[in-house]
Every structure is written in C-alpha cells, then in structure tokens.
Amino acid sequence: MTWTVHEVYDSFQVVPDDDLKPHSFFHCECHPRYVDGIFVHNAFDGREATEKPLLS
C-alpha cells in the first residue's frame, strides 16, 4: 500500500492511495495529524497498524 504527498496551497498533505473512501484536503473526516508542518491523513482501511515507518 502506498501514500502520496500533495502540495495544497501552502501546505503538504500525505494521503493514502487506494483507500476505502476518498480524502479531502479541507476538513477531511479521517482527522489528519499535523506533524512538523505536514498534514498526515489516517487511512480508513487501517493500514497504519501493519506498516512500519521508513528509516531516515
């Protein structure tokens, strides 16, 4: 499962690809987290429970 980064006006948003429901860049119902200046959306399919973060 993959994620895509979108630049929306003056912000960056990370959105899951091929999720169960579409995401909105304004008032998304997944209640995205704001981390270090980036909006990180939560997947409706729960993929965060099994994914591991990439090492930087």
N, C-alpha and C. Protein backbone atom coordinates (compact mmCIF):
# COMPACT_ATOMS: atom_id res chain seq x y z
N MET A 1 0.84 -1.17 0.00
CA MET A 1 0.00 0.00 0.00
C MET A 1 0.89 1.23 0.00
N THR A 2 0.48 2.23 -0.73
CA THR A 2 1.32 3.40 -0.91
C THR A 2 0.62 4.67 -0.44
N TRP A 3 1.43 5.70 -0.31
CA TRP A 3 0.97 7.02 0.10
C TRP A 3 1.48 8.03 -0.92
N THR A 4 0.78 9.15 -1.05
CA THR A 4 1.19 10.20 -1.97
C THR A 4 1.25 11.52 -1.22
N VAL A 5 2.25 12.34 -1.56
CA VAL A 5 2.38 13.67 -0.98
C VAL A 5 1.79 14.67 -1.97
N HIS A 6 0.91 15.53 -1.46
CA HIS A 6 0.29 16.57 -2.28
C HIS A 6 0.68 17.93 -1.70
N GLU A 7 1.00 18.87 -2.57
CA GLU A 7 1.20 20.25 -2.14
C GLU A 7 -0.10 20.99 -2.41
N VAL A 8 -0.73 21.46 -1.35
CA VAL A 8 -2.01 22.13 -1.46
C VAL A 8 -1.84 23.54 -0.90
N TYR A 9 -1.88 24.52 -1.79
CA TYR A 9 -1.61 25.91 -1.44
C TYR A 9 -0.28 25.99 -0.70
N ASP A 10 -0.28 26.35 0.57
CA ASP A 10 0.98 26.50 1.29
C ASP A 10 1.23 25.35 2.28
N SER A 11 0.61 24.19 2.03
CA SER A 11 0.81 23.06 2.94
C SER A 11 1.12 21.79 2.14
N PHE A 12 1.65 20.81 2.85
CA PHE A 12 1.88 19.48 2.28
C PHE A 12 0.98 18.50 3.00
N GLN A 13 0.40 17.56 2.24
CA GLN A 13 -0.50 16.57 2.82
C GLN A 13 -0.13 15.19 2.30
N VAL A 14 0.00 14.24 3.23
CA VAL A 14 0.31 12.86 2.88
C VAL A 14 -0.99 12.07 2.96
N VAL A 15 -1.39 11.48 1.84
CA VAL A 15 -2.69 10.82 1.72
C VAL A 15 -2.49 9.38 1.26
N PRO A 16 -3.20 8.41 1.87
CA PRO A 16 -3.08 7.02 1.43
C PRO A 16 -3.71 6.82 0.05
N ASP A 17 -3.04 6.04 -0.79
CA ASP A 17 -3.57 5.71 -2.12
C ASP A 17 -4.55 4.54 -2.01
N ASP A 18 -5.54 4.52 -2.88
CA ASP A 18 -6.49 3.41 -2.98
C ASP A 18 -7.12 3.05 -1.64
N ASP A 19 -7.53 4.07 -0.89
CA ASP A 19 -8.16 3.84 0.41
C ASP A 19 -9.63 3.48 0.21
N LEU A 20 -10.29 3.09 1.30
CA LEU A 20 -11.70 2.68 1.22
C LEU A 20 -12.63 3.84 0.86
N LYS A 21 -12.27 5.05 1.28
CA LYS A 21 -13.07 6.24 0.98
C LYS A 21 -12.13 7.34 0.51
N PRO A 22 -12.64 8.28 -0.27
CA PRO A 22 -11.79 9.38 -0.71
C PRO A 22 -11.47 10.34 0.44
N HIS A 23 -10.34 11.03 0.32
CA HIS A 23 -9.92 12.00 1.32
C HIS A 23 -10.10 13.40 0.77
N SER A 24 -10.32 14.36 1.67
CA SER A 24 -10.45 15.76 1.30
C SER A 24 -9.25 16.53 1.85
N PHE A 25 -8.80 17.53 1.11
CA PHE A 25 -7.70 18.36 1.60
C PHE A 25 -8.19 19.43 2.56
N PHE A 26 -9.50 19.58 2.71
CA PHE A 26 -10.09 20.56 3.62
C PHE A 26 -11.11 19.85 4.50
N HIS A 27 -10.89 19.82 5.79
CA HIS A 27 -11.81 19.22 6.75
C HIS A 27 -12.06 17.74 6.45
N CYS A 28 -11.02 16.98 6.30
CA CYS A 28 -11.16 15.55 5.99
C CYS A 28 -11.72 14.81 7.20
N GLU A 29 -12.60 13.86 6.94
CA GLU A 29 -13.22 13.11 8.04
C GLU A 29 -12.30 12.09 8.69
N CYS A 30 -11.09 11.90 8.16
CA CYS A 30 -10.12 11.00 8.79
C CYS A 30 -9.37 11.68 9.93
N HIS A 31 -9.58 12.98 10.09
CA HIS A 31 -8.93 13.78 11.14
C HIS A 31 -7.41 13.67 11.07
N PRO A 32 -6.80 14.22 10.01
CA PRO A 32 -5.34 14.11 9.84
C PRO A 32 -4.57 14.75 10.99
N ARG A 33 -3.37 14.20 11.25
CA ARG A 33 -2.47 14.75 12.26
C ARG A 33 -1.60 15.80 11.58
N TYR A 34 -1.19 16.79 12.34
CA TYR A 34 -0.28 17.83 11.85
C TYR A 34 1.06 17.57 12.50
N VAL A 35 2.04 17.09 11.71
CA VAL A 35 3.34 16.69 12.23
C VAL A 35 4.43 17.45 11.48
N ASP A 36 5.18 18.27 12.20
CA ASP A 36 6.30 19.02 11.62
C ASP A 36 5.91 19.78 10.35
N GLY A 37 4.75 20.41 10.36
CA GLY A 37 4.31 21.21 9.23
C GLY A 37 3.66 20.44 8.10
N ILE A 38 3.39 19.15 8.30
CA ILE A 38 2.78 18.31 7.26
C ILE A 38 1.51 17.67 7.81
N PHE A 39 0.45 17.71 7.02
CA PHE A 39 -0.79 17.03 7.39
C PHE A 39 -0.68 15.57 6.97
N VAL A 40 -0.78 14.65 7.92
CA VAL A 40 -0.70 13.22 7.64
C VAL A 40 -2.08 12.62 7.85
N HIS A 41 -2.69 12.19 6.76
CA HIS A 41 -4.04 11.63 6.83
C HIS A 41 -4.00 10.22 7.41
N ASN A 42 -5.09 9.82 8.05
CA ASN A 42 -5.24 8.47 8.59
C ASN A 42 -5.99 7.63 7.56
N ALA A 43 -5.53 6.42 7.31
CA ALA A 43 -6.18 5.56 6.33
C ALA A 43 -7.47 4.97 6.90
N PHE A 44 -8.51 4.95 6.09
CA PHE A 44 -9.77 4.35 6.51
C PHE A 44 -9.67 2.83 6.56
N ASP A 45 -8.70 2.26 5.84
CA ASP A 45 -8.55 0.80 5.84
C ASP A 45 -7.65 0.29 6.96
N GLY A 46 -7.10 1.20 7.80
CA GLY A 46 -6.33 0.79 8.96
C GLY A 46 -4.92 0.33 8.66
N ARG A 47 -4.38 0.67 7.50
CA ARG A 47 -3.06 0.17 7.09
C ARG A 47 -1.94 0.61 8.04
N GLU A 48 -2.14 1.66 8.82
CA GLU A 48 -1.09 2.10 9.74
C GLU A 48 -0.76 1.04 10.79
N ALA A 49 -1.69 0.16 11.08
CA ALA A 49 -1.48 -0.88 12.11
C ALA A 49 -0.44 -1.91 11.68
N THR A 50 -0.25 -2.08 10.38
CA THR A 50 0.69 -3.12 9.91
C THR A 50 1.92 -2.55 9.21
N GLU A 51 1.91 -1.26 8.89
CA GLU A 51 3.05 -0.67 8.21
C GLU A 51 4.11 -0.24 9.21
N LYS A 52 5.37 -0.28 8.77
CA LYS A 52 6.48 0.19 9.58
C LYS A 52 7.05 1.44 8.95
N PRO A 53 7.41 2.44 9.75
CA PRO A 53 7.97 3.67 9.16
C PRO A 53 9.32 3.41 8.51
N LEU A 54 9.62 4.18 7.46
CA LEU A 54 10.91 4.07 6.81
C LEU A 54 11.97 4.74 7.67
N LEU A 55 13.16 4.18 7.67
CA LEU A 55 14.26 4.78 8.40
C LEU A 55 14.77 5.98 7.63
N SER A 56 15.07 7.06 8.32
CA SER A 56 15.54 8.24 7.61
C SER A 56 17.04 8.37 7.65
